[in-house]
Amino acid sequence: MAAHAGEKAEKTGDFYCASCDEKVHVTQGDRIPKCPNGHSEFETRRNERG
């Protein structure tokens, strides 16, 4: 399931960019930022809690 920059994270975890695989760590309830390279779609999530 893809996630996009600007959406609220449902769980705390690491989001990996679909374009360049950069990691962005997001806390539950926070908005997902763009990756450091400016991309806005994330295809995988890891290290989710709960």
N, C-alpha and C. Protein backbone atom coordinates (compact mmCIF):
# COMPACT_ATOMS: atom_id res chain seq x y z
N MET A 1 0.84 -1.18 0.00
CA MET A 1 0.00 0.00 0.00
C MET A 1 0.89 1.25 0.00
N ALA A 2 0.73 2.08 -0.97
CA ALA A 2 1.54 3.29 -1.09
C ALA A 2 1.04 4.37 -0.13
N ALA A 3 1.97 5.15 0.36
CA ALA A 3 1.65 6.31 1.18
C ALA A 3 2.24 7.53 0.47
N HIS A 4 1.68 8.69 0.76
CA HIS A 4 2.11 9.91 0.08
C HIS A 4 2.44 11.01 1.09
N ALA A 5 3.39 11.85 0.71
CA ALA A 5 3.74 13.00 1.54
C ALA A 5 2.48 13.82 1.79
N GLY A 6 2.34 14.30 3.01
CA GLY A 6 1.18 15.10 3.39
C GLY A 6 0.10 14.30 4.11
N GLU A 7 0.11 12.98 3.95
CA GLU A 7 -0.86 12.14 4.66
C GLU A 7 -0.41 11.96 6.11
N LYS A 8 -1.37 11.69 7.00
CA LYS A 8 -1.02 11.41 8.39
C LYS A 8 -0.59 9.96 8.52
N ALA A 9 0.47 9.73 9.27
CA ALA A 9 0.95 8.38 9.51
C ALA A 9 0.02 7.68 10.50
N GLU A 10 -0.42 6.50 10.16
CA GLU A 10 -1.29 5.73 11.04
C GLU A 10 -0.51 5.07 12.16
N LYS A 11 0.77 4.78 11.92
CA LYS A 11 1.64 4.17 12.92
C LYS A 11 3.02 4.79 12.83
N THR A 12 3.76 4.73 13.92
CA THR A 12 5.15 5.16 13.91
C THR A 12 5.97 4.14 13.14
N GLY A 13 6.85 4.61 12.26
CA GLY A 13 7.69 3.68 11.51
C GLY A 13 8.54 4.40 10.48
N ASP A 14 9.23 3.61 9.67
CA ASP A 14 10.11 4.13 8.62
C ASP A 14 9.43 3.93 7.27
N PHE A 15 9.35 5.00 6.51
CA PHE A 15 8.78 4.97 5.18
C PHE A 15 9.93 5.03 4.18
N TYR A 16 9.88 4.21 3.13
CA TYR A 16 10.94 4.17 2.12
C TYR A 16 10.40 4.67 0.79
N CYS A 17 11.10 5.65 0.22
CA CYS A 17 10.70 6.31 -1.01
C CYS A 17 10.58 5.32 -2.16
N ALA A 18 9.51 5.47 -2.94
CA ALA A 18 9.29 4.60 -4.09
C ALA A 18 10.27 4.90 -5.23
N SER A 19 10.81 6.11 -5.26
CA SER A 19 11.72 6.50 -6.36
C SER A 19 13.19 6.23 -6.06
N CYS A 20 13.62 6.51 -4.81
CA CYS A 20 15.06 6.43 -4.53
C CYS A 20 15.40 5.60 -3.29
N ASP A 21 14.40 5.06 -2.61
CA ASP A 21 14.57 4.21 -1.43
C ASP A 21 15.14 4.93 -0.21
N GLU A 22 15.10 6.27 -0.18
CA GLU A 22 15.51 7.02 1.01
C GLU A 22 14.52 6.73 2.13
N LYS A 23 15.02 6.70 3.36
CA LYS A 23 14.19 6.42 4.53
C LYS A 23 13.76 7.73 5.19
N VAL A 24 12.48 7.77 5.58
CA VAL A 24 11.93 8.89 6.35
C VAL A 24 11.25 8.28 7.56
N HIS A 25 11.66 8.69 8.76
CA HIS A 25 11.04 8.19 9.98
C HIS A 25 9.87 9.11 10.35
N VAL A 26 8.72 8.52 10.63
CA VAL A 26 7.52 9.29 10.94
C VAL A 26 6.87 8.75 12.22
N THR A 27 6.41 9.66 13.07
CA THR A 27 5.71 9.29 14.29
C THR A 27 4.20 9.29 14.04
N GLN A 28 3.51 8.34 14.66
CA GLN A 28 2.07 8.22 14.50
C GLN A 28 1.38 9.57 14.67
N GLY A 29 0.50 9.91 13.74
CA GLY A 29 -0.27 11.14 13.80
C GLY A 29 0.39 12.33 13.10
N ASP A 30 1.70 12.23 12.85
CA ASP A 30 2.40 13.30 12.13
C ASP A 30 2.15 13.17 10.63
N ARG A 31 2.31 14.26 9.93
CA ARG A 31 2.22 14.24 8.47
C ARG A 31 3.52 13.69 7.89
N ILE A 32 3.39 12.90 6.84
CA ILE A 32 4.55 12.31 6.19
C ILE A 32 5.21 13.40 5.34
N PRO A 33 6.50 13.66 5.56
CA PRO A 33 7.19 14.67 4.75
C PRO A 33 7.66 14.07 3.42
N LYS A 34 8.09 14.92 2.51
CA LYS A 34 8.73 14.42 1.29
C LYS A 34 10.07 13.81 1.69
N CYS A 35 10.59 12.92 0.86
CA CYS A 35 11.90 12.34 1.15
C CYS A 35 12.96 13.42 0.96
N PRO A 36 14.18 13.20 1.46
CA PRO A 36 15.23 14.20 1.34
C PRO A 36 15.54 14.62 -0.10
N ASN A 37 15.14 13.79 -1.07
CA ASN A 37 15.38 14.10 -2.48
C ASN A 37 14.17 14.73 -3.16
N GLY A 38 13.13 15.04 -2.38
CA GLY A 38 11.97 15.75 -2.90
C GLY A 38 10.84 14.91 -3.46
N HIS A 39 10.94 13.59 -3.36
CA HIS A 39 9.88 12.71 -3.86
C HIS A 39 8.76 12.61 -2.83
N SER A 40 7.56 12.26 -3.28
CA SER A 40 6.43 12.27 -2.36
C SER A 40 5.66 10.95 -2.26
N GLU A 41 6.14 9.88 -2.89
CA GLU A 41 5.45 8.60 -2.79
C GLU A 41 6.35 7.58 -2.11
N PHE A 42 5.77 6.87 -1.14
CA PHE A 42 6.50 5.86 -0.38
C PHE A 42 5.83 4.51 -0.61
N GLU A 43 6.65 3.50 -0.94
CA GLU A 43 6.05 2.22 -1.28
C GLU A 43 6.16 1.18 -0.18
N THR A 44 7.12 1.31 0.72
CA THR A 44 7.23 0.33 1.81
C THR A 44 7.35 1.02 3.15
N ARG A 45 6.89 0.32 4.17
CA ARG A 45 7.01 0.79 5.55
C ARG A 45 7.63 -0.33 6.36
N ARG A 46 8.52 0.04 7.27
CA ARG A 46 9.17 -0.95 8.15
C ARG A 46 9.25 -0.40 9.56
N ASN A 47 9.50 -1.30 10.47
CA ASN A 47 9.71 -0.96 11.89
C ASN A 47 8.49 -0.26 12.51
N GLU A 48 7.30 -0.67 12.07
CA GLU A 48 6.09 -0.10 12.67
C GLU A 48 5.90 -0.69 14.05
N ARG A 49 5.44 0.15 14.94
CA ARG A 49 5.16 -0.30 16.31
C ARG A 49 3.68 -0.58 16.46
N GLY A 50 3.37 -1.59 17.27
CA GLY A 50 1.98 -1.88 17.58
C GLY A 50 1.26 -2.45 16.43
